[in-house]
N, C-alpha and C. Protein backbone atom coordinates (compact mmCIF):
# COMPACT_ATOMS: atom_id res chain seq x y z
N MET A 1 -23.76 10.08 0.31
CA MET A 1 -22.64 11.31 0.73
C MET A 1 -22.58 11.57 2.45
N ASP A 2 -23.43 11.58 2.62
CA ASP A 2 -23.44 12.02 4.38
C ASP A 2 -22.55 11.19 5.04
N ALA A 3 -22.91 9.93 5.04
CA ALA A 3 -22.11 8.94 5.30
C ALA A 3 -20.63 8.63 4.70
N VAL A 4 -20.25 8.45 3.61
CA VAL A 4 -19.28 8.51 3.46
C VAL A 4 -18.31 9.88 4.39
N SER A 5 -18.49 10.73 3.85
CA SER A 5 -18.56 12.11 4.40
C SER A 5 -18.11 11.70 6.35
N GLU A 6 -18.70 11.16 6.78
CA GLU A 6 -18.79 10.64 8.45
C GLU A 6 -17.45 9.71 8.21
N VAL A 7 -17.60 8.73 7.41
CA VAL A 7 -16.60 8.04 8.21
C VAL A 7 -15.20 8.53 7.19
N ILE A 8 -15.08 8.82 6.63
CA ILE A 8 -13.93 10.12 6.24
C ILE A 8 -13.87 10.26 7.72
N THR A 9 -14.26 11.56 8.16
CA THR A 9 -13.90 12.29 9.12
C THR A 9 -14.13 11.36 10.38
N CYS A 10 -14.04 9.95 10.22
CA CYS A 10 -14.09 9.59 11.42
C CYS A 10 -12.96 8.66 11.21
N CYS A 11 -12.72 8.16 10.51
CA CYS A 11 -11.70 6.88 10.26
C CYS A 11 -10.38 7.46 8.90
N GLY A 12 -10.73 8.58 8.30
CA GLY A 12 -9.79 8.42 7.36
C GLY A 12 -9.88 8.23 5.95
N PRO A 13 -9.28 8.66 4.81
CA PRO A 13 -10.40 7.77 3.75
C PRO A 13 -9.88 6.62 3.57
N PRO A 14 -10.54 6.01 2.43
CA PRO A 14 -9.79 4.24 2.05
C PRO A 14 -8.73 4.87 1.29
N GLU A 15 -8.12 4.28 0.71
CA GLU A 15 -7.52 3.69 -0.34
C GLU A 15 -8.24 4.11 -2.38
N ILE A 16 -9.50 2.99 -2.23
CA ILE A 16 -10.35 2.81 -3.04
C ILE A 16 -11.64 2.49 -2.40
N PHE A 17 -12.15 2.75 -3.12
CA PHE A 17 -13.64 2.92 -3.41
C PHE A 17 -14.36 2.35 -4.31
N ASN A 18 -14.74 1.12 -4.08
CA ASN A 18 -15.34 0.42 -5.11
C ASN A 18 -17.17 0.69 -5.56
N THR A 19 -17.47 0.25 -6.43
CA THR A 19 -19.27 0.50 -5.91
C THR A 19 -20.09 0.18 -7.88
N ASP A 20 -20.88 -0.05 -7.87
CA ASP A 20 -21.98 -0.22 -9.19
C ASP A 20 -21.68 0.99 -9.86
N GLN A 21 -21.69 0.57 -11.01
CA GLN A 21 -22.39 2.58 -12.22
C GLN A 21 -23.68 2.57 -11.99
N VAL A 22 -24.66 3.16 -10.88
CA VAL A 22 -25.05 3.43 -10.32
C VAL A 22 -25.81 5.50 -10.58
N CYS A 23 -26.31 5.62 -10.70
CA CYS A 23 -26.60 7.10 -11.05
C CYS A 23 -26.55 8.06 -9.48
N GLN A 24 -26.68 7.20 -8.24
CA GLN A 24 -25.79 8.27 -7.03
C GLN A 24 -24.35 7.97 -6.90
N PHE A 25 -24.12 6.72 -7.51
CA PHE A 25 -22.55 7.06 -7.49
C PHE A 25 -21.46 7.30 -8.83
N THR A 26 -22.14 7.62 -9.69
CA THR A 26 -21.55 8.56 -10.83
C THR A 26 -21.63 9.94 -10.74
N SER A 27 -22.42 10.38 -10.00
CA SER A 27 -22.35 12.22 -10.20
C SER A 27 -21.15 12.60 -9.76
N GLN A 28 -21.08 13.98 -10.55
CA GLN A 28 -20.45 14.68 -10.02
C GLN A 28 -20.19 14.92 -8.75
N GLU A 29 -21.23 15.48 -7.53
CA GLU A 29 -20.90 15.62 -6.31
C GLU A 29 -20.20 14.23 -5.44
N PHE A 30 -20.68 13.04 -5.91
CA PHE A 30 -19.68 11.97 -5.43
C PHE A 30 -19.05 11.89 -5.64
N THR A 31 -18.14 11.92 -7.05
CA THR A 31 -17.29 10.99 -7.32
C THR A 31 -16.07 12.20 -6.90
N GLY A 32 -16.45 13.69 -6.88
CA GLY A 32 -15.77 14.90 -6.36
C GLY A 32 -15.08 14.96 -5.24
N LEU A 33 -16.14 14.29 -4.60
CA LEU A 33 -16.14 14.11 -2.66
C LEU A 33 -14.84 12.92 -2.56
N LEU A 34 -14.61 11.88 -3.25
CA LEU A 34 -13.99 11.09 -3.42
C LEU A 34 -12.42 11.77 -3.69
N GLN A 35 -12.41 12.25 -4.90
CA GLN A 35 -11.36 12.88 -5.70
C GLN A 35 -10.67 13.75 -4.73
N ALA A 36 -11.59 14.60 -3.92
CA ALA A 36 -11.17 15.83 -2.94
C ALA A 36 -10.16 14.94 -2.10
N HIS A 37 -10.82 13.62 -1.77
CA HIS A 37 -9.91 13.24 -0.01
C HIS A 37 -8.82 12.60 -1.26
N GLY A 38 -8.76 12.32 -2.30
CA GLY A 38 -7.19 11.63 -2.77
C GLY A 38 -7.85 10.10 -3.00
N ILE A 39 -8.78 9.92 -2.74
CA ILE A 39 -9.64 7.98 -3.11
C ILE A 39 -9.93 7.80 -4.47
N GLN A 40 -9.18 6.76 -4.84
CA GLN A 40 -9.66 6.00 -5.99
C GLN A 40 -10.74 6.05 -5.80
N ILE A 41 -10.87 5.46 -7.41
CA ILE A 41 -12.60 5.20 -7.59
C ILE A 41 -12.40 3.81 -8.63
N SER A 42 -13.20 2.46 -8.11
CA SER A 42 -13.31 1.56 -8.42
C SER A 42 -14.82 1.30 -8.65
N MET A 43 -15.01 1.17 -10.16
CA MET A 43 -16.55 1.03 -10.60
C MET A 43 -16.60 -0.55 -11.70
N ASP A 44 -17.55 -1.21 -11.01
CA ASP A 44 -17.05 -3.02 -11.38
C ASP A 44 -18.46 -1.78 -13.02
N GLY A 45 -18.53 -2.93 -13.96
CA GLY A 45 -19.34 -2.83 -15.09
C GLY A 45 -21.19 -2.67 -14.44
N ALA A 46 -21.64 -1.97 -15.76
CA ALA A 46 -22.91 -1.29 -15.48
C ALA A 46 -23.91 -2.68 -14.82
N TRP A 47 -24.97 -3.08 -14.18
CA TRP A 47 -25.81 -4.70 -13.58
C TRP A 47 -24.62 -5.23 -12.99
N ARG A 48 -23.54 -5.34 -12.48
CA ARG A 48 -22.54 -6.87 -12.08
C ARG A 48 -22.99 -7.21 -11.12
N TRP A 49 -23.89 -6.20 -10.56
CA TRP A 49 -24.44 -7.10 -9.58
C TRP A 49 -24.46 -9.03 -9.11
N ARG A 50 -24.72 -9.33 -10.37
CA ARG A 50 -24.72 -10.83 -10.12
C ARG A 50 -23.58 -11.13 -10.25
N ALA A 51 -22.67 -10.79 -10.21
CA ALA A 51 -21.13 -11.26 -9.94
C ALA A 51 -21.18 -11.42 -8.57
N ASN A 52 -21.58 -10.79 -7.66
CA ASN A 52 -21.10 -10.75 -6.65
C ASN A 52 -22.37 -11.61 -6.01
N VAL A 53 -23.47 -12.42 -6.65
CA VAL A 53 -25.15 -12.39 -5.68
C VAL A 53 -24.13 -13.47 -4.38
N PHE A 54 -23.14 -14.22 -4.86
CA PHE A 54 -22.66 -15.38 -3.92
C PHE A 54 -22.31 -15.19 -2.13
N ALA A 55 -21.49 -14.30 -3.14
CA ALA A 55 -20.18 -13.30 -1.92
C ALA A 55 -21.44 -12.89 -1.06
N GLU A 56 -22.74 -12.04 -1.56
CA GLU A 56 -23.25 -11.16 -0.53
C GLU A 56 -24.76 -12.07 0.25
N ARG A 57 -24.56 -12.98 -0.71
CA ARG A 57 -25.53 -14.01 0.29
C ARG A 57 -24.68 -14.02 1.59
N LEU A 58 -23.51 -14.96 1.12
CA LEU A 58 -23.00 -14.81 2.35
C LEU A 58 -22.47 -14.56 3.32
N TRP A 59 -22.50 -13.07 2.83
CA TRP A 59 -22.09 -11.86 4.26
C TRP A 59 -23.53 -11.53 4.41
N ARG A 60 -24.45 -11.82 4.18
CA ARG A 60 -25.53 -11.68 4.85
C ARG A 60 -25.48 -12.35 5.63
N SER A 61 -25.78 -13.76 5.66
CA SER A 61 -25.97 -14.62 6.56
C SER A 61 -24.92 -15.10 7.28
N LEU A 62 -23.67 -14.70 7.38
CA LEU A 62 -22.75 -14.28 8.82
C LEU A 62 -22.94 -13.26 9.61
N LYS A 63 -23.30 -12.04 8.97
CA LYS A 63 -23.38 -10.46 9.37
C LYS A 63 -25.56 -10.93 10.33
N TYR A 64 -25.88 -11.80 9.58
CA TYR A 64 -27.09 -12.27 10.92
C TYR A 64 -26.84 -13.13 11.80
N GLU A 65 -25.88 -13.85 11.70
CA GLU A 65 -25.71 -14.96 12.17
C GLU A 65 -24.83 -14.60 13.94
N GLU A 66 -23.34 -13.83 13.31
CA GLU A 66 -22.52 -13.25 14.15
C GLU A 66 -22.69 -11.89 14.84
N VAL A 67 -23.64 -11.70 13.84
CA VAL A 67 -23.82 -10.07 14.65
C VAL A 67 -25.07 -9.91 15.30
N SER A 68 -26.29 -9.57 14.15
CA SER A 68 -27.93 -9.78 14.90
C SER A 68 -28.38 -10.76 15.89
N LEU A 69 -27.52 -11.86 16.09
CA LEU A 69 -28.31 -13.15 17.22
C LEU A 69 -27.79 -12.55 18.19
N SER A 70 -26.37 -12.28 18.17
CA SER A 70 -25.53 -11.87 19.35
C SER A 70 -24.97 -10.71 20.03
N MET A 71 -25.90 -9.54 19.34
CA MET A 71 -25.84 -8.30 19.65
C MET A 71 -26.80 -7.64 20.72
N PRO A 72 -27.56 -8.22 21.34
CA PRO A 72 -28.02 -7.40 22.65
C PRO A 72 -26.90 -8.13 23.42
N MET A 73 -26.56 -8.92 23.42
CA MET A 73 -25.04 -9.49 24.30
C MET A 73 -24.51 -8.69 24.45
N ARG A 74 -23.68 -8.00 23.35
CA ARG A 74 -22.42 -7.58 22.81
C ARG A 74 -23.33 -5.79 23.41
N LEU A 75 -24.07 -5.48 23.17
CA LEU A 75 -24.31 -3.72 23.36
C LEU A 75 -24.73 -3.85 25.00
N SER A 76 -25.02 -5.10 26.20
CA SER A 76 -24.87 -4.36 27.54
C SER A 76 -23.78 -4.55 27.87
N ALA A 77 -22.69 -5.19 27.28
CA ALA A 77 -21.40 -4.91 27.57
C ALA A 77 -20.28 -3.94 26.90
N THR A 78 -21.04 -3.27 26.34
CA THR A 78 -20.12 -2.54 25.58
C THR A 78 -20.68 -1.08 26.24
N PRO A 79 -19.16 -0.32 26.72
CA PRO A 79 -19.96 0.91 27.27
C PRO A 79 -21.14 1.72 25.66
N ARG A 80 -21.71 3.22 26.05
CA ARG A 80 -22.24 3.38 25.53
C ARG A 80 -21.09 4.85 24.14
N THR A 81 -20.39 4.44 23.23
CA THR A 81 -19.81 5.53 22.82
C THR A 81 -20.61 5.77 21.32
N GLY A 82 -21.23 4.87 20.74
CA GLY A 82 -21.66 4.62 19.31
C GLY A 82 -20.51 3.67 18.07
N TRP A 83 -19.31 3.42 19.67
CA TRP A 83 -18.77 2.59 18.46
C TRP A 83 -18.83 1.12 19.52
N PRO A 84 -18.48 0.04 18.84
CA PRO A 84 -18.67 -1.58 19.26
C PRO A 84 -16.65 -1.65 20.15
N ALA A 85 -16.98 -2.36 21.23
CA ALA A 85 -15.46 -1.99 21.72
C ALA A 85 -14.66 -2.81 21.18
N THR A 86 -13.48 -2.84 20.90
CA THR A 86 -12.74 -4.30 20.38
C THR A 86 -12.27 -4.66 21.34
């Protein structure tokens, strides 16, 4: 809830929020937050994580190789604003 609220405040609400049908994302509190900001809710079927496993592994590898390994260099050249420079 805190992370979604922070992103909405900082960057504005997304058009669509896609997630799995697990209890933390189907609660009235969470869906109410999204609806209050006019965000459409898209939910995959329960236990559909297997459908995305290959894409998730690709993104994990990409993030590790491109972000984690090069992050010390980027941080030293980036002002300390809390967000990476673009």
